[in-house]
Structures are given as C-alpha cells and as structure tokens.
Amino acid sequence: MNEDDKRNCYKCRFFYVTWEPAHPNGCRALGFKSRQLPSVTVFQSSGKPCEYFKEKKK
C-alpha cells in the first residue's frame, strides 16, 4: 500500500471504537468489527483502498 492508498480510519466519520477487547475497531459503513483498523482489513481483502472513507466534519 503506497501513501496515496492509505486511509486513516481515525479521521473517518464511519470509524468507531467498540467495547470488545477481541475486536476493538469498527466500521459503520461496512458493518464489521476487527482487531486491525478497518482500512487495513479492507485493503488486505480487496487489494484496494477503502472506498467508503469520508473525512469527519470539524
């Protein structure tokens, strides 16, 4: 993954932190929880950067 393909989940409006120690990171857009950041899981699964990334409003 090069710098242009990276998505920062912490800046995404769909990212949330769960209360589950085994799956601490979640994505509301894709509807899953993961140990890794959702953007990493999406890239490993599809080979493409996350297309649902939307920057949080300030």
C-alpha atoms as a PDB file:
ATOM      1  CA  MET A   1       0.000   0.000   0.000  1.00  0.00           C
ATOM      2  CA  ASN A   2       1.555   3.295  -1.017  1.00  0.00           C
ATOM      3  CA  GLU A   3       0.952   6.675   0.617  1.00  0.00           C
ATOM      4  CA  ASP A   4      -1.824   7.638  -1.834  1.00  0.00           C
ATOM      5  CA  ASP A   5      -3.827   4.500  -0.993  1.00  0.00           C
ATOM      6  CA  LYS A   6      -3.712   4.843   2.796  1.00  0.00           C
ATOM      7  CA  ARG A   7      -6.888   5.795   4.608  1.00  0.00           C
ATOM      8  CA  ASN A   8      -6.735   6.999   8.203  1.00  0.00           C
ATOM      9  CA  CYS A   9      -9.695   5.418   9.978  1.00  0.00           C
ATOM     10  CA  TYR A  10      -9.292   7.781  12.919  1.00  0.00           C
ATOM     11  CA  LYS A  11     -10.283  10.642  10.602  1.00  0.00           C
ATOM     12  CA  CYS A  12     -13.241   8.781   9.062  1.00  0.00           C
ATOM     13  CA  ARG A  13     -16.821   9.502  10.132  1.00  0.00           C
ATOM     14  CA  PHE A  14     -17.725   5.783   9.965  1.00  0.00           C
ATOM     15  CA  PHE A  15     -14.985   4.582  12.336  1.00  0.00           C
ATOM     16  CA  TYR A  16     -15.805   3.786  15.957  1.00  0.00           C
ATOM     17  CA  VAL A  17     -14.169   2.113  18.939  1.00  0.00           C
ATOM     18  CA  THR A  18     -16.022  -0.883  20.358  1.00  0.00           C
ATOM     19  CA  TRP A  19     -16.075  -2.257  23.889  1.00  0.00           C
ATOM     20  CA  GLU A  20     -14.959  -5.685  22.699  1.00  0.00           C
ATOM     21  CA  PRO A  21     -11.298  -6.426  23.527  1.00  0.00           C
ATOM     22  CA  ALA A  22     -11.066  -9.013  20.726  1.00  0.00           C
ATOM     23  CA  HIS A  23     -12.491  -6.581  18.125  1.00  0.00           C
ATOM     24  CA  PRO A  24     -11.739  -3.016  19.255  1.00  0.00           C
ATOM     25  CA  ASN A  25     -12.202  -1.224  15.903  1.00  0.00           C
ATOM     26  CA  GLY A  26     -15.415  -0.945  13.919  1.00  0.00           C
ATOM     27  CA  CYS A  27     -16.717   0.463  10.651  1.00  0.00           C
ATOM     28  CA  ARG A  28     -20.347   1.575  10.447  1.00  0.00           C
ATOM     29  CA  ALA A  29     -20.265   1.890   6.640  1.00  0.00           C
ATOM     30  CA  LEU A  30     -19.213  -1.710   6.075  1.00  0.00           C
ATOM     31  CA  GLY A  31     -20.794  -3.136   9.238  1.00  0.00           C
ATOM     32  CA  PHE A  32     -17.920  -5.068  10.777  1.00  0.00           C
ATOM     33  CA  LYS A  33     -15.560  -5.069  13.754  1.00  0.00           C
ATOM     34  CA  SER A  34     -11.894  -6.011  13.612  1.00  0.00           C
ATOM     35  CA  ARG A  35      -8.701  -6.205  15.626  1.00  0.00           C
ATOM     36  CA  GLN A  36      -6.936  -4.193  12.919  1.00  0.00           C
ATOM     37  CA  LEU A  37      -8.040  -0.840  11.587  1.00  0.00           C
ATOM     38  CA  PRO A  38     -10.885  -1.383   9.130  1.00  0.00           C
ATOM     39  CA  SER A  39      -8.955   0.264   6.284  1.00  0.00           C
ATOM     40  CA  VAL A  40      -6.180  -2.321   6.669  1.00  0.00           C
ATOM     41  CA  THR A  41      -8.687  -5.189   6.644  1.00  0.00           C
ATOM     42  CA  VAL A  42     -10.398  -3.788   3.533  1.00  0.00           C
ATOM     43  CA  PHE A  43      -7.082  -3.404   1.701  1.00  0.00           C
ATOM     44  CA  GLN A  44      -5.971  -6.938   2.602  1.00  0.00           C
ATOM     45  CA  SER A  45      -9.291  -8.384   1.441  1.00  0.00           C
ATOM     46  CA  SER A  46      -9.797  -6.462  -1.791  1.00  0.00           C
ATOM     47  CA  GLY A  47      -6.390  -5.063  -2.706  1.00  0.00           C
ATOM     48  CA  LYS A  48      -7.995  -1.611  -2.992  1.00  0.00           C
ATOM     49  CA  PRO A  49      -8.186   1.284  -0.529  1.00  0.00           C
ATOM     50  CA  CYS A  50     -11.464   1.761   1.312  1.00  0.00           C
ATOM     51  CA  GLU A  51     -13.972   3.486  -0.948  1.00  0.00           C
ATOM     52  CA  TYR A  52     -16.309   4.442   1.919  1.00  0.00           C
ATOM     53  CA  PHE A  53     -13.819   6.808   3.590  1.00  0.00           C
ATOM     54  CA  LYS A  54     -15.420  10.167   4.428  1.00  0.00           C
ATOM     55  CA  GLU A  55     -13.476  12.723   6.428  1.00  0.00           C
ATOM     56  CA  LYS A  56     -15.085  13.820   9.695  1.00  0.00           C
ATOM     57  CA  LYS A  57     -16.599  17.266   9.821  1.00  0.00           C
ATOM     58  CA  LYS A  58     -14.653  19.614  12.022  1.00  0.00           C
END
